[in-house]
């Protein structure tokens, strides 16, 4: 019997369609073997064994797989990697982001041989904690169908994993679109508004670069918003970008990344405004996501359900917030009229 960590990796590979070591069917066989082994070698669900705690590891496998699939599904996105700093902490670990104070020292004029000038203290740090809360979902299925091979377990993993991904992305978008100047650190935030003007855009980029000490910038927006970035000077590569991406991938030396558009939950209204272009400087990612602990999966008692269906309760704890790096970060927003 393979180790749990090896089975988890097989499940991750199958989830992403990677069949270097095992084919899809082989990976599913291995997962079913693990489930059967955790169920004392039986393909039938024995409620007494589960009730009496004789099926250790049955849901540990599921919990480990879910955490990995949610995280890997997010970090494969250029948008996510450009904006989000993701931390996966054990429950109880220190959930602290340190922000350096951005005050510089005042350099004074002094006569030769003079030391009698005012002392200045080294800048300190601010500690910011991202609040976390429990996110849960309850589903039902017949475990007998999983153990007997009637249900593709990857479908279960994919649906639950994608559900948590969607919820996390919705929370990220809500924090990002609702951010104010205070969230972005006051003086390092540069807003601009009006009809699109290339010179105004270049000036905004220059302000953001200057605030961050000359660090290169990244420009973000929806594809519709980024269509406004039509450089006056274009080459063949620019035309290829427009054909292949739907927007220009570079704007006068700055990288451009499209934000995937999403609908607000339960509506067909877009989350991201097509009238906003954001400029970030440096490698510091302003959105902080803290995942605490591992996913928890609990099984209900099927004998309490009239239809003898099996319920599963899945929970994961995380929080989302914005933390900028003081004077080392620059953020600008161009709101188009």
Protein backbone atom coordinates (compact mmCIF):
# COMPACT_ATOMS: atom_id res chain seq x y z
CA UNK A 1 0.00 0.00 0.00
CA UNK A 2 1.41 3.40 -0.98
CA UNK A 3 2.08 6.12 1.60
CA UNK A 4 -0.57 8.83 2.04
CA UNK A 5 1.81 11.54 0.72
CA UNK A 6 2.41 9.50 -2.45
CA UNK A 7 -1.31 9.02 -2.96
CA UNK A 8 -1.89 12.75 -2.47
CA UNK A 9 0.66 13.54 -5.20
CA UNK A 10 -0.98 11.04 -7.56
CA UNK A 11 -4.31 12.75 -6.95
CA UNK A 12 -2.80 16.17 -7.64
CA UNK A 13 -1.22 14.91 -10.86
CA UNK A 14 -4.50 13.39 -12.01
CA UNK A 15 -6.33 16.60 -11.12
CA UNK A 16 -4.04 18.56 -13.44
CA UNK A 17 -4.09 15.91 -16.15
CA UNK A 18 -0.45 14.93 -15.55
CA UNK A 19 -0.13 11.22 -16.25
CA UNK A 20 3.66 10.91 -16.33
CA UNK A 21 3.77 8.25 -13.61
CA UNK A 22 0.22 6.90 -13.71
CA UNK A 23 -2.54 6.96 -16.27
CA UNK A 24 -5.88 8.50 -15.27
CA UNK A 25 -7.38 5.09 -14.61
CA UNK A 26 -4.33 3.96 -12.64
CA UNK A 27 -4.46 7.04 -10.44
CA UNK A 28 -8.14 6.42 -9.74
CA UNK A 29 -7.39 2.81 -8.91
CA UNK A 30 -4.72 3.91 -6.44
CA UNK A 31 -7.10 6.37 -4.81
CA UNK A 32 -9.80 3.72 -4.51
CA UNK A 33 -7.25 1.33 -3.04
CA UNK A 34 -6.39 3.91 -0.40
CA UNK A 35 -10.06 4.46 0.41
CA UNK A 36 -10.72 0.74 0.58
CA UNK A 37 -7.69 0.21 2.81
CA UNK A 38 -8.87 2.99 5.12
CA UNK A 39 -12.24 1.20 5.19
CA UNK A 40 -10.62 -1.98 6.50
CA UNK A 41 -10.24 -3.57 3.08
CA UNK A 42 -13.91 -3.51 2.21
CA UNK A 43 -15.69 -2.00 -0.76
CA UNK A 44 -18.85 -1.82 1.31
CA UNK A 45 -19.56 0.93 3.77
CA UNK A 46 -19.65 -0.46 7.29
CA UNK A 47 -21.37 2.12 9.44
CA UNK A 48 -20.35 0.35 12.64
CA UNK A 49 -16.65 0.48 11.75
CA UNK A 50 -16.87 4.18 10.96
CA UNK A 51 -18.90 4.83 14.09
CA UNK A 52 -16.38 2.94 16.22
CA UNK A 53 -13.37 4.76 14.72
CA UNK A 54 -11.95 1.82 12.78
CA UNK A 55 -11.54 3.73 9.52
CA UNK A 56 -8.66 6.03 10.41
CA UNK A 57 -7.29 7.95 7.45
CA UNK A 58 -10.39 7.69 5.28
CA UNK A 59 -10.97 11.45 5.21
CA UNK A 60 -7.40 12.52 6.00
CA UNK A 61 -6.61 11.72 2.38
CA UNK A 62 -9.49 13.88 1.20
CA UNK A 63 -8.47 16.79 3.44
CA UNK A 64 -4.88 16.76 2.20
CA UNK A 65 -5.90 16.60 -1.44
CA UNK A 66 -8.38 19.47 -1.11
CA UNK A 67 -5.86 21.87 0.43
CA UNK A 68 -3.36 21.17 -2.33
CA UNK A 69 -5.84 21.43 -5.19
CA UNK A 70 -7.28 24.75 -3.96
CA UNK A 71 -3.83 26.32 -3.56
CA UNK A 72 -2.36 25.01 -6.82
CA UNK A 73 -5.45 25.96 -8.78
CA UNK A 74 -5.00 29.57 -7.67
CA UNK A 75 -1.24 30.00 -7.97
CA UNK A 76 -1.26 28.92 -11.61
CA UNK A 77 -2.85 32.30 -12.53
CA UNK A 78 -0.66 35.25 -13.62
CA UNK A 79 -3.23 37.61 -12.10
CA UNK A 80 -3.13 35.78 -8.76
CA UNK A 81 0.68 35.74 -8.70
CA UNK A 82 0.88 39.46 -9.52
CA UNK A 83 -1.49 40.60 -6.78
CA UNK A 84 -1.73 37.94 -4.09
CA UNK A 85 0.71 36.89 -1.38
CA UNK A 86 -0.57 33.46 -0.29
CA UNK A 87 0.49 32.00 3.05
CA UNK A 88 -0.43 28.52 4.19
CA UNK A 89 -0.01 28.43 7.97
CA UNK A 90 -0.56 25.75 10.55
CA UNK A 91 -3.39 26.63 12.92
CA UNK A 92 -1.91 28.72 15.74
CA UNK A 93 1.13 29.93 13.77
CA UNK A 94 1.90 33.64 13.86
CA UNK A 95 -0.28 35.44 11.34
CA UNK A 96 1.66 38.71 11.14
CA UNK A 97 2.79 40.91 8.22
CA UNK A 98 5.57 43.39 9.01
CA UNK A 99 5.47 46.80 7.31
CA UNK A 100 8.55 48.99 7.48
CA UNK A 101 7.93 52.65 8.38
CA UNK A 102 8.83 54.74 5.33
CA UNK A 103 10.27 57.87 6.98
CA UNK A 104 13.76 58.88 5.79
CA UNK A 105 16.39 60.71 7.80
CA UNK A 106 16.84 64.48 7.52
CA UNK A 107 20.40 65.29 6.39
CA UNK A 108 21.55 68.61 7.89
CA UNK A 109 24.25 71.13 7.03
CA UNK A 110 27.02 71.26 9.67
CA UNK A 111 30.31 73.03 10.22
CA UNK A 112 33.53 71.04 10.22
CA UNK A 113 34.14 69.19 13.50
CA UNK A 114 30.55 69.59 14.67
CA UNK A 115 28.55 66.66 16.11
CA UNK A 116 25.92 68.63 17.98
CA UNK A 117 22.93 67.88 15.76
CA UNK A 118 19.55 66.36 16.58
CA UNK A 119 19.48 62.59 16.76
CA UNK A 120 16.99 60.63 14.67
CA UNK A 121 15.73 57.21 15.58
CA UNK A 122 15.76 54.26 13.18
CA UNK A 123 12.37 53.65 11.62
CA UNK A 124 10.31 50.91 13.19
CA UNK A 125 7.84 48.35 11.92
CA UNK A 126 4.10 48.00 11.99
CA UNK A 127 2.49 44.62 12.56
CA UNK A 128 -0.67 43.81 10.64
CA UNK A 129 -2.74 40.69 11.20
CA UNK A 130 -5.19 39.34 8.63
CA UNK A 131 -8.41 38.16 10.36
CA UNK A 132 -9.47 34.65 9.35
CA UNK A 133 -12.81 32.87 9.52
CA UNK A 134 -14.17 29.43 8.77
CA UNK A 135 -15.62 28.76 5.30
CA UNK A 136 -17.81 25.66 5.03
CA UNK A 137 -19.85 23.58 2.59
CA UNK A 138 -22.08 20.56 3.17
CA UNK A 139 -22.67 18.03 0.41
CA UNK A 140 -24.00 14.51 0.17
CA UNK A 141 -23.23 11.36 -1.76
CA UNK A 142 -23.22 7.64 -1.20
CA UNK A 143 -19.72 6.60 -0.16
CA UNK A 144 -20.54 3.09 -1.37
CA UNK A 145 -20.53 4.46 -4.93
CA UNK A 146 -17.07 5.96 -4.41
CA UNK A 147 -15.58 2.83 -2.88
CA UNK A 148 -17.09 0.56 -5.53
CA UNK A 149 -15.70 2.71 -8.35
CA UNK A 150 -19.07 4.01 -9.52
CA UNK A 151 -18.01 7.59 -8.79
CA UNK A 152 -14.88 9.23 -10.17
CA UNK A 153 -13.28 10.57 -7.01
CA UNK A 154 -11.48 13.28 -8.98
CA UNK A 155 -14.90 14.75 -9.82
CA UNK A 156 -15.61 15.07 -6.11
CA UNK A 157 -12.19 16.67 -5.49
CA UNK A 158 -12.57 19.02 -8.45
CA UNK A 159 -16.05 20.24 -7.52
CA UNK A 160 -15.27 20.84 -3.86
CA UNK A 161 -11.86 22.35 -4.67
CA UNK A 162 -13.29 24.65 -7.34
CA UNK A 163 -16.08 25.71 -4.98
CA UNK A 164 -13.54 26.86 -2.39
CA UNK A 165 -11.46 28.49 -5.14
CA UNK A 166 -14.49 30.44 -6.35
CA UNK A 167 -15.33 31.62 -2.84
CA UNK A 168 -11.73 32.70 -2.20
CA UNK A 169 -11.51 34.52 -5.54
CA UNK A 170 -14.82 36.27 -4.82
CA UNK A 171 -13.40 37.44 -1.48
CA UNK A 172 -10.17 38.61 -3.17
CA UNK A 173 -12.09 40.55 -5.82
CA UNK A 174 -14.33 42.13 -3.18
CA UNK A 175 -11.31 43.36 -1.19
CA UNK A 176 -9.50 44.58 -4.31
CA UNK A 177 -12.38 46.43 -5.97
CA UNK A 178 -13.49 48.01 -2.69
CA UNK A 179 -10.02 49.24 -1.66
CA UNK A 180 -9.65 52.92 -0.80
CA UNK A 181 -6.68 55.29 -0.56
CA UNK A 182 -6.36 54.39 3.14
CA UNK A 183 -6.05 50.69 2.24
CA UNK A 184 -3.27 51.50 -0.22
CA UNK A 185 -1.14 53.44 2.25
CA UNK A 186 -2.10 57.08 1.75
CA UNK A 187 0.81 58.97 0.17
CA UNK A 188 1.96 55.99 -1.95
CA UNK A 189 -1.44 55.87 -3.67
CA UNK A 190 -1.87 57.94 -6.83
CA UNK A 191 -5.39 58.28 -8.29
CA UNK A 192 -6.23 59.75 -11.68
CA UNK A 193 -9.54 60.12 -13.50
CA UNK A 194 -10.79 61.34 -16.86
CA UNK A 195 -10.93 60.34 -20.48
CA UNK A 196 -8.00 58.14 -21.40
CA UNK A 197 -4.90 60.11 -22.32
CA UNK A 198 -1.56 58.46 -23.01
CA UNK A 199 0.46 61.30 -21.50
CA UNK A 200 -1.63 61.19 -18.32
CA UNK A 201 -1.09 57.44 -18.12
CA UNK A 202 2.67 57.81 -18.53
CA UNK A 203 2.72 60.51 -15.86
CA UNK A 204 0.81 58.23 -13.46
CA UNK A 205 3.28 55.42 -14.12
CA UNK A 206 6.15 57.83 -13.43
CA UNK A 207 4.61 58.82 -10.08
CA UNK A 208 4.24 55.19 -9.04
CA UNK A 209 7.81 54.39 -10.09
CA UNK A 210 9.15 57.41 -8.22
CA UNK A 211 7.26 56.49 -5.02
CA UNK A 212 8.81 53.03 -5.10
CA UNK A 213 12.36 54.18 -5.77
CA UNK A 214 12.37 53.46 -9.48
CA UNK A 215 11.07 49.91 -9.37
CA UNK A 216 9.44 48.63 -12.60
CA UNK A 217 5.66 48.69 -12.72
CA UNK A 218 2.98 46.20 -13.69
CA UNK A 219 -0.26 47.40 -15.25
CA UNK A 220 -3.47 45.50 -14.48
CA UNK A 221 -7.03 45.73 -15.72
CA UNK A 222 -9.74 43.81 -17.53
CA UNK A 223 -9.22 43.12 -21.21
CA UNK A 224 -11.76 45.83 -22.03
CA UNK A 225 -9.93 48.36 -19.86
CA UNK A 226 -6.53 47.39 -21.26
CA UNK A 227 -7.73 47.95 -24.83
CA UNK A 228 -7.32 51.65 -24.04
CA UNK A 229 -3.56 51.12 -23.80
CA UNK A 230 -2.83 51.48 -27.49
CA UNK A 231 0.77 52.76 -27.69
CA UNK A 232 1.31 55.48 -30.26
CA UNK A 233 4.45 53.61 -31.36
CA UNK A 234 3.71 50.01 -32.36
CA UNK A 235 5.68 47.19 -33.92
CA UNK A 236 4.85 43.73 -35.22
CA UNK A 237 5.09 42.23 -31.71
CA UNK A 238 2.44 44.69 -30.50
CA UNK A 239 0.06 43.60 -33.24
CA UNK A 240 0.72 39.95 -32.38
CA UNK A 241 -0.11 40.66 -28.72
CA UNK A 242 -3.39 42.26 -29.70
CA UNK A 243 -4.26 39.30 -31.94
CA UNK A 244 -3.23 36.59 -29.45
CA UNK A 245 -4.10 38.22 -26.11
CA UNK A 246 -6.75 40.80 -26.93
CA UNK A 247 -4.57 43.58 -25.43
CA UNK A 248 -0.98 44.83 -25.62
CA UNK A 249 1.25 42.73 -23.36
CA UNK A 250 3.75 45.59 -22.91
CA UNK A 251 3.18 49.33 -22.58
CA UNK A 252 6.34 51.41 -23.07
CA UNK A 253 8.47 48.88 -21.21
CA UNK A 254 5.92 47.94 -18.51
CA UNK A 255 4.32 44.50 -18.22
CA UNK A 256 0.55 44.32 -18.68
CA UNK A 257 -1.61 41.62 -17.06
CA UNK A 258 -5.32 41.06 -17.67
CA UNK A 259 -7.62 40.49 -14.70
CA UNK A 260 -10.02 37.58 -15.38
CA UNK A 261 -13.55 38.94 -15.29
CA UNK A 262 -16.05 37.37 -12.91
CA UNK A 263 -19.77 37.63 -12.21
CA UNK A 264 -21.04 38.69 -8.81
CA UNK A 265 -22.52 35.72 -7.00
CA UNK A 266 -26.04 34.99 -8.21
CA UNK A 267 -25.98 37.67 -10.92
CA UNK A 268 -24.63 38.36 -14.39
CA UNK A 269 -23.08 41.64 -13.23
CA UNK A 270 -19.29 41.87 -13.59
CA UNK A 271 -17.16 42.22 -10.46
CA UNK A 272 -14.29 44.13 -12.04
CA UNK A 273 -14.88 47.54 -13.56
CA UNK A 274 -13.89 47.93 -17.21
CA UNK A 275 -13.16 51.58 -16.40
CA UNK A 276 -10.25 51.04 -13.98
CA UNK A 277 -6.56 50.46 -14.74
CA UNK A 278 -4.23 49.79 -11.79
CA UNK A 279 -0.45 50.31 -11.68
CA UNK A 280 1.69 48.42 -9.16
CA UNK A 281 5.40 48.94 -8.53
CA UNK A 282 7.89 46.40 -7.24
CA UNK A 283 7.44 42.75 -6.38
CA UNK A 284 5.45 43.30 -3.18
CA UNK A 285 1.95 41.86 -3.67
CA UNK A 286 -0.67 43.95 -1.85
CA UNK A 287 -3.40 41.32 -1.35
CA UNK A 288 -2.61 38.95 1.51
CA UNK A 289 -4.34 35.59 1.79
CA UNK A 290 -3.77 33.57 4.94
CA UNK A 291 -4.90 29.95 4.99
CA UNK A 292 -4.84 28.55 8.53
CA UNK A 293 -4.64 24.84 9.17
CA UNK A 294 -5.80 22.12 6.83
CA UNK A 295 -9.22 21.43 5.43
CA UNK A 296 -11.49 19.43 7.71
CA UNK A 297 -13.97 16.88 6.43
CA UNK A 298 -16.61 15.39 8.69
CA UNK A 299 -19.08 12.68 7.80
CA UNK A 300 -22.64 12.78 9.10
CA UNK A 301 -24.66 9.82 10.31
CA UNK A 302 -26.54 8.32 7.34
CA UNK A 303 -28.95 6.50 9.65
CA UNK A 304 -30.48 9.85 10.59
CA UNK A 305 -31.43 10.58 6.96
CA UNK A 306 -34.63 9.05 5.67
CA UNK A 307 -33.06 8.34 2.28
CA UNK A 308 -29.84 6.91 3.83
CA UNK A 309 -27.71 9.39 1.94
CA UNK A 310 -24.33 10.30 3.36
CA UNK A 311 -23.53 13.92 4.24
CA UNK A 312 -20.08 15.46 4.20
CA UNK A 313 -19.15 18.70 5.93
CA UNK A 314 -16.01 20.38 4.54
CA UNK A 315 -14.42 23.39 6.22
CA UNK A 316 -11.38 25.56 5.62
CA UNK A 317 -10.19 28.66 7.51
CA UNK A 318 -8.70 31.65 5.68
CA UNK A 319 -8.69 35.44 5.58
CA UNK A 320 -8.08 38.14 2.93
CA UNK A 321 -6.78 41.69 3.35
CA UNK A 322 -4.61 44.42 1.79
CA UNK A 323 -1.18 45.22 3.20
CA UNK A 324 1.22 47.58 1.42
CA UNK A 325 4.93 47.88 2.14
CA UNK A 326 4.99 51.53 3.21
CA UNK A 327 7.28 53.72 1.10
CA UNK A 328 8.65 50.69 -0.76
CA UNK A 329 5.39 50.29 -2.68
CA UNK A 330 3.63 52.46 -5.20
CA UNK A 331 0.06 51.99 -6.41
CA UNK A 332 -1.86 54.08 -8.91
CA UNK A 333 -5.39 53.86 -10.31
CA UNK A 334 -6.63 55.43 -13.50
CA UNK A 335 -10.44 55.65 -13.52
CA UNK A 336 -11.72 56.16 -17.07
CA UNK A 337 -14.79 58.26 -17.73
